[in-house]
C-alpha atoms as a PDB file:
ATOM      1  CA  MET A   1       0.000   0.000   0.000  1.00  0.00           C
ATOM      2  CA  ARG A   2       2.876   2.388   0.808  1.00  0.00           C
ATOM      3  CA  ARG A   3       4.490   1.647  -2.553  1.00  0.00           C
ATOM      4  CA  LEU A   4       1.244   2.386  -4.363  1.00  0.00           C
ATOM      5  CA  PHE A   5       0.882   5.670  -2.485  1.00  0.00           C
ATOM      6  CA  SER A   6       4.492   6.621  -3.320  1.00  0.00           C
ATOM      7  CA  LEU A   7       3.949   5.748  -6.969  1.00  0.00           C
ATOM      8  CA  VAL A   8       0.835   7.924  -7.097  1.00  0.00           C
ATOM      9  CA  LEU A   9       2.752  10.865  -5.571  1.00  0.00           C
ATOM     10  CA  VAL A  10       5.573  10.504  -8.094  1.00  0.00           C
ATOM     11  CA  LEU A  11       3.144  10.352 -11.027  1.00  0.00           C
ATOM     12  CA  CYS A  12       1.256  13.418  -9.769  1.00  0.00           C
ATOM     13  CA  GLY A  13       4.557  15.274  -9.642  1.00  0.00           C
ATOM     14  CA  PHE A  14       5.226  14.491 -13.307  1.00  0.00           C
ATOM     15  CA  TRP A  15       1.745  15.593 -14.420  1.00  0.00           C
ATOM     16  CA  SER A  16       1.779  18.865 -12.476  1.00  0.00           C
ATOM     17  CA  GLN A  17       4.886  20.428 -13.998  1.00  0.00           C
ATOM     18  CA  GLY A  18       2.839  23.072 -15.795  1.00  0.00           C
ATOM     19  CA  LEU A  19       3.851  24.633 -19.112  1.00  0.00           C
ATOM     20  CA  PHE A  20       7.388  25.512 -18.066  1.00  0.00           C
ATOM     21  CA  GLY A  21       8.366  21.902 -17.436  1.00  0.00           C
ATOM     22  CA  ALA A  22       6.039  20.381 -20.007  1.00  0.00           C
ATOM     23  CA  ASP A  23       6.865  19.228 -23.499  1.00  0.00           C
ATOM     24  CA  GLN A  24       6.251  22.644 -25.024  1.00  0.00           C
ATOM     25  CA  THR A  25       6.280  21.477 -28.631  1.00  0.00           C
ATOM     26  CA  HIS A  26       2.625  20.420 -28.224  1.00  0.00           C
ATOM     27  CA  VAL A  27       1.495  23.692 -26.663  1.00  0.00           C
ATOM     28  CA  SER A  28      -0.046  26.059 -29.232  1.00  0.00           C
ATOM     29  CA  ILE A  29       0.130  29.790 -29.797  1.00  0.00           C
ATOM     30  CA  VAL A  30      -3.335  30.070 -28.213  1.00  0.00           C
ATOM     31  CA  ASP A  31      -2.071  28.517 -24.965  1.00  0.00           C
ATOM     32  CA  TYR A  32       0.784  31.041 -24.768  1.00  0.00           C
ATOM     33  CA  PHE A  33      -1.414  33.961 -25.890  1.00  0.00           C
ATOM     34  CA  VAL A  34      -3.697  33.629 -22.849  1.00  0.00           C
ATOM     35  CA  LEU A  35      -0.594  33.719 -20.615  1.00  0.00           C
ATOM     36  CA  LEU A  36       0.340  37.230 -21.769  1.00  0.00           C
ATOM     37  CA  PRO A  37       0.358  39.916 -19.049  1.00  0.00           C
ATOM     38  CA  PRO A  38      -3.164  41.186 -18.242  1.00  0.00           C
ATOM     39  CA  ASP A  39      -2.244  44.760 -19.271  1.00  0.00           C
ATOM     40  CA  THR A  40      -0.966  43.784 -22.737  1.00  0.00           C
ATOM     41  CA  PHE A  41      -4.124  45.064 -24.451  1.00  0.00           C
ATOM     42  CA  GLU A  42      -6.369  48.102 -24.034  1.00  0.00           C
ATOM     43  CA  GLY A  43      -9.339  47.383 -21.837  1.00  0.00           C
ATOM     44  CA  ALA A  44      -9.448  43.585 -21.986  1.00  0.00           C
ATOM     45  CA  SER A  45      -7.497  40.512 -20.959  1.00  0.00           C
ATOM     46  CA  PRO A  46      -5.809  38.203 -23.475  1.00  0.00           C
ATOM     47  CA  SER A  47      -8.530  35.578 -22.893  1.00  0.00           C
ATOM     48  CA  SER A  48     -11.200  38.198 -23.722  1.00  0.00           C
ATOM     49  CA  TRP A  49      -9.346  39.009 -26.935  1.00  0.00           C
ATOM     50  CA  LEU A  50      -9.230  35.317 -27.770  1.00  0.00           C
ATOM     51  CA  THR A  51     -13.022  35.192 -27.460  1.00  0.00           C
ATOM     52  CA  PHE A  52     -13.241  38.286 -29.697  1.00  0.00           C
ATOM     53  CA  LEU A  53     -10.894  36.684 -32.239  1.00  0.00           C
ATOM     54  CA  LYS A  54     -13.152  33.667 -32.599  1.00  0.00           C
ATOM     55  CA  GLN A  55     -16.017  35.835 -33.879  1.00  0.00           C
ATOM     56  CA  PRO A  56     -16.480  35.909 -37.675  1.00  0.00           C
ATOM     57  CA  GLY A  57     -14.507  38.691 -39.340  1.00  0.00           C
ATOM     58  CA  SER A  58     -12.514  39.571 -36.221  1.00  0.00           C
ATOM     59  CA  GLY A  59      -9.250  37.896 -37.166  1.00  0.00           C
ATOM     60  CA  SER A  60      -7.627  34.538 -37.678  1.00  0.00           C
ATOM     61  CA  ILE A  61      -5.988  31.827 -35.614  1.00  0.00           C
ATOM     62  CA  ASP A  62      -3.638  29.356 -37.306  1.00  0.00           C
ATOM     63  CA  THR A  63      -2.412  27.015 -34.575  1.00  0.00           C
ATOM     64  CA  ALA A  64      -0.596  24.753 -37.059  1.00  0.00           C
ATOM     65  CA  ASN A  65       1.680  27.610 -38.147  1.00  0.00           C
ATOM     66  CA  GLY A  66       1.731  29.557 -34.865  1.00  0.00           C
ATOM     67  CA  TYR A  67       0.076  32.709 -36.163  1.00  0.00           C
ATOM     68  CA  MET A  68      -2.801  34.941 -35.023  1.00  0.00           C
ATOM     69  CA  SER A  69      -4.147  38.246 -36.278  1.00  0.00           C
ATOM     70  CA  CYS A  70      -6.882  40.460 -34.888  1.00  0.00           C
ATOM     71  CA  THR A  71      -8.803  43.385 -36.374  1.00  0.00           C
ATOM     72  CA  GLY A  72      -8.876  45.216 -33.045  1.00  0.00           C
ATOM     73  CA  ASP A  73     -11.760  47.403 -31.937  1.00  0.00           C
ATOM     74  CA  GLY A  74     -12.378  51.052 -31.074  1.00  0.00           C
ATOM     75  CA  ALA A  75      -9.798  51.063 -28.255  1.00  0.00           C
ATOM     76  CA  GLN A  76      -7.281  48.404 -29.354  1.00  0.00           C
ATOM     77  CA  PRO A  77      -5.481  48.675 -32.707  1.00  0.00           C
ATOM     78  CA  GLU A  78      -5.002  45.674 -34.961  1.00  0.00           C
ATOM     79  CA  PHE A  79      -2.323  43.215 -33.929  1.00  0.00           C
ATOM     80  CA  GLU A  80      -0.500  40.103 -35.130  1.00  0.00           C
ATOM     81  CA  VAL A  81       1.140  37.424 -32.989  1.00  0.00           C
ATOM     82  CA  ALA A  82       3.612  34.761 -34.128  1.00  0.00           C
ATOM     83  CA  LEU A  83       5.121  31.887 -32.182  1.00  0.00           C
ATOM     84  CA  PHE A  84       8.830  31.182 -32.469  1.00  0.00           C
ATOM     85  CA  ARG A  85      10.801  28.639 -30.449  1.00  0.00           C
ATOM     86  CA  PHE A  86      14.221  28.843 -28.868  1.00  0.00           C
ATOM     87  CA  SER A  87      16.605  26.012 -29.714  1.00  0.00           C
ATOM     88  CA  ASP A  88      15.698  24.307 -26.441  1.00  0.00           C
ATOM     89  CA  GLY A  89      11.957  24.419 -27.255  1.00  0.00           C
ATOM     90  CA  ARG A  90      10.977  27.393 -25.082  1.00  0.00           C
ATOM     91  CA  PRO A  91       8.408  29.714 -26.684  1.00  0.00           C
ATOM     92  CA  LEU A  92       8.952  33.244 -27.917  1.00  0.00           C
ATOM     93  CA  LEU A  93       5.879  35.259 -28.915  1.00  0.00           C
ATOM     94  CA  ALA A  94       6.351  38.216 -31.232  1.00  0.00           C
ATOM     95  CA  MET A  95       3.555  40.776 -31.365  1.00  0.00           C
ATOM     96  CA  SER A  96       3.278  43.633 -33.823  1.00  0.00           C
ATOM     97  CA  THR A  97       0.749  46.373 -33.186  1.00  0.00           C
ATOM     98  CA  GLY A  98      -0.121  49.695 -34.717  1.00  0.00           C
ATOM     99  CA  GLU A  99      -1.444  52.974 -33.505  1.00  0.00           C
ATOM    100  CA  LEU A 100      -5.132  53.565 -33.051  1.00  0.00           C
ATOM    101  CA  GLU A 101      -6.545  55.030 -36.287  1.00  0.00           C
ATOM    102  CA  ALA A 102      -3.072  55.011 -37.841  1.00  0.00           C
ATOM    103  CA  ARG A 103      -0.714  52.568 -39.536  1.00  0.00           C
ATOM    104  CA  ASP A 104      -0.599  48.916 -38.506  1.00  0.00           C
ATOM    105  CA  SER A 105       2.417  46.875 -37.353  1.00  0.00           C
ATOM    106  CA  MET A 106       4.510  49.836 -36.225  1.00  0.00           C
ATOM    107  CA  PHE A 107       5.614  48.373 -32.904  1.00  0.00           C
ATOM    108  CA  LEU A 108       7.238  45.014 -32.188  1.00  0.00           C
ATOM    109  CA  VAL A 109       7.257  43.391 -28.734  1.00  0.00           C
ATOM    110  CA  PHE A 110       8.573  39.964 -27.676  1.00  0.00           C
ATOM    111  CA  TYR A 111       7.391  37.743 -24.813  1.00  0.00           C
ATOM    112  CA  GLU A 112       8.949  34.635 -23.296  1.00  0.00           C
ATOM    113  CA  LEU A 113       7.677  32.095 -20.779  1.00  0.00           C
ATOM    114  CA  GLY A 114       8.830  32.619 -17.195  1.00  0.00           C
ATOM    115  CA  LYS A 115       9.235  30.060 -14.456  1.00  0.00           C
ATOM    116  CA  ASP A 116       5.871  31.222 -13.107  1.00  0.00           C
ATOM    117  CA  ASN A 117       4.196  29.852 -16.279  1.00  0.00           C
ATOM    118  CA  ARG A 118       3.284  33.372 -17.457  1.00  0.00           C
ATOM    119  CA  MET A 119       4.545  35.204 -20.507  1.00  0.00           C
ATOM    120  CA  HIS A 120       6.825  38.167 -19.721  1.00  0.00           C
ATOM    121  CA  GLN A 121       8.193  40.868 -21.985  1.00  0.00           C
ATOM    122  CA  ALA A 122      11.545  39.728 -23.379  1.00  0.00           C
ATOM    123  CA  SER A 123      14.591  41.790 -24.199  1.00  0.00           C
ATOM    124  CA  ARG A 124      14.425  43.513 -27.573  1.00  0.00           C
ATOM    125  CA  GLU A 125      18.133  42.704 -28.014  1.00  0.00           C
ATOM    126  CA  ILE A 126      17.179  39.612 -30.038  1.00  0.00           C
ATOM    127  CA  PHE A 127      15.898  41.814 -32.881  1.00  0.00           C
ATOM    128  CA  PRO A 128      18.396  44.258 -34.434  1.00  0.00           C
ATOM    129  CA  ILE A 129      15.997  47.031 -35.526  1.00  0.00           C
ATOM    130  CA  ARG A 130      14.070  49.323 -33.183  1.00  0.00           C
ATOM    131  CA  ASP A 131      10.572  50.739 -33.686  1.00  0.00           C
ATOM    132  CA  GLY A 132      10.173  54.050 -35.474  1.00  0.00           C
ATOM    133  CA  ASP A 133      11.328  55.671 -38.714  1.00  0.00           C
ATOM    134  CA  ASP A 134       8.104  54.656 -40.500  1.00  0.00           C
ATOM    135  CA  ARG A 135       8.918  50.951 -40.256  1.00  0.00           C
ATOM    136  CA  GLN A 136       6.310  48.210 -40.310  1.00  0.00           C
ATOM    137  CA  PHE A 137       7.018  44.770 -38.874  1.00  0.00           C
ATOM    138  CA  ILE A 138       5.239  42.017 -40.783  1.00  0.00           C
ATOM    139  CA  LEU A 139       5.152  38.743 -38.881  1.00  0.00           C
ATOM    140  CA  PRO A 140       5.279  35.459 -40.776  1.00  0.00           C
ATOM    141  CA  LYS A 141       2.031  33.585 -41.339  1.00  0.00           C
ATOM    142  CA  LYS A 142       4.316  30.608 -42.004  1.00  0.00           C
ATOM    143  CA  GLY A 143       8.017  30.268 -41.419  1.00  0.00           C
ATOM    144  CA  ARG A 144      10.490  32.137 -39.224  1.00  0.00           C
ATOM    145  CA  THR A 145      11.146  35.422 -41.026  1.00  0.00           C
ATOM    146  CA  ILE A 146       9.989  38.892 -39.954  1.00  0.00           C
ATOM    147  CA  THR A 147       9.804  41.360 -42.830  1.00  0.00           C
ATOM    148  CA  VAL A 148      10.513  45.042 -42.231  1.00  0.00           C
ATOM    149  CA  LYS A 149       8.801  47.429 -44.672  1.00  0.00           C
ATOM    150  CA  ASN A 150       8.711  51.154 -45.197  1.00  0.00           C
ATOM    151  CA  ALA A 151       5.235  52.150 -43.976  1.00  0.00           C
ATOM    152  CA  LYS A 152       4.852  54.896 -46.582  1.00  0.00           C
ATOM    153  CA  THR A 153       6.073  53.089 -49.695  1.00  0.00           C
ATOM    154  CA  ALA A 154       5.481  49.430 -48.671  1.00  0.00           C
ATOM    155  CA  LYS A 155       8.991  48.695 -49.952  1.00  0.00           C
ATOM    156  CA  VAL A 156      10.718  45.790 -48.187  1.00  0.00           C
ATOM    157  CA  LEU A 157      13.666  47.208 -46.264  1.00  0.00           C
ATOM    158  CA  SER A 158      15.006  43.963 -44.799  1.00  0.00           C
ATOM    159  CA  GLN A 159      14.140  40.503 -43.549  1.00  0.00           C
ATOM    160  CA  PHE A 160      15.264  38.800 -40.363  1.00  0.00           C
ATOM    161  CA  GLU A 161      15.152  35.044 -39.807  1.00  0.00           C
ATOM    162  CA  TRP A 162      14.862  33.410 -36.378  1.00  0.00           C
ATOM    163  CA  ASN A 163      17.735  30.969 -35.734  1.00  0.00           C
ATOM    164  CA  GLY A 164      16.612  29.681 -32.337  1.00  0.00           C
ATOM    165  CA  SER A 165      18.323  32.381 -30.269  1.00  0.00           C
ATOM    166  CA  THR A 166      18.175  35.649 -32.229  1.00  0.00           C
ATOM    167  CA  PHE A 167      16.939  37.175 -35.477  1.00  0.00           C
ATOM    168  CA  GLN A 168      19.586  37.455 -38.171  1.00  0.00           C
ATOM    169  CA  HIS A 169      19.574  39.625 -41.274  1.00  0.00           C
ATOM    170  CA  GLN A 170      19.004  37.620 -44.463  1.00  0.00           C
END
């Protein structure tokens, strides 16, 4: 009986590791999206935005390719989210947002999973170009390359591919 009890305790320990200790290759962009900080969006939590996204015409969710886009509403501008993975399997969410009633994809923010099983803003050091100068950051619907465009001319300025630890100029 003691052995059975010990076995049950050990098995419970394996099943309760949470996302940080779990096999993260089977966790989707949606799972990480709802773990974003509560103040990430104007006026609503990430889970509320997920509900909004599931309405017809409000955006798209592609879990197979790790991509989401949302039309936004009167208070929150449009946004895109893409899932990248570090070489060790940890997630990295990239989010591009615009300005309300202005151009889309003008700001780029990264989030990584913390030991508390919540997403936290990551250092921008992994991406070599800062926001500003009329740049737009177009996240990949498939693949690992972020395209940087001139917001006025739509000309592609550069592309940066994720290598598992940083984005490198192509």
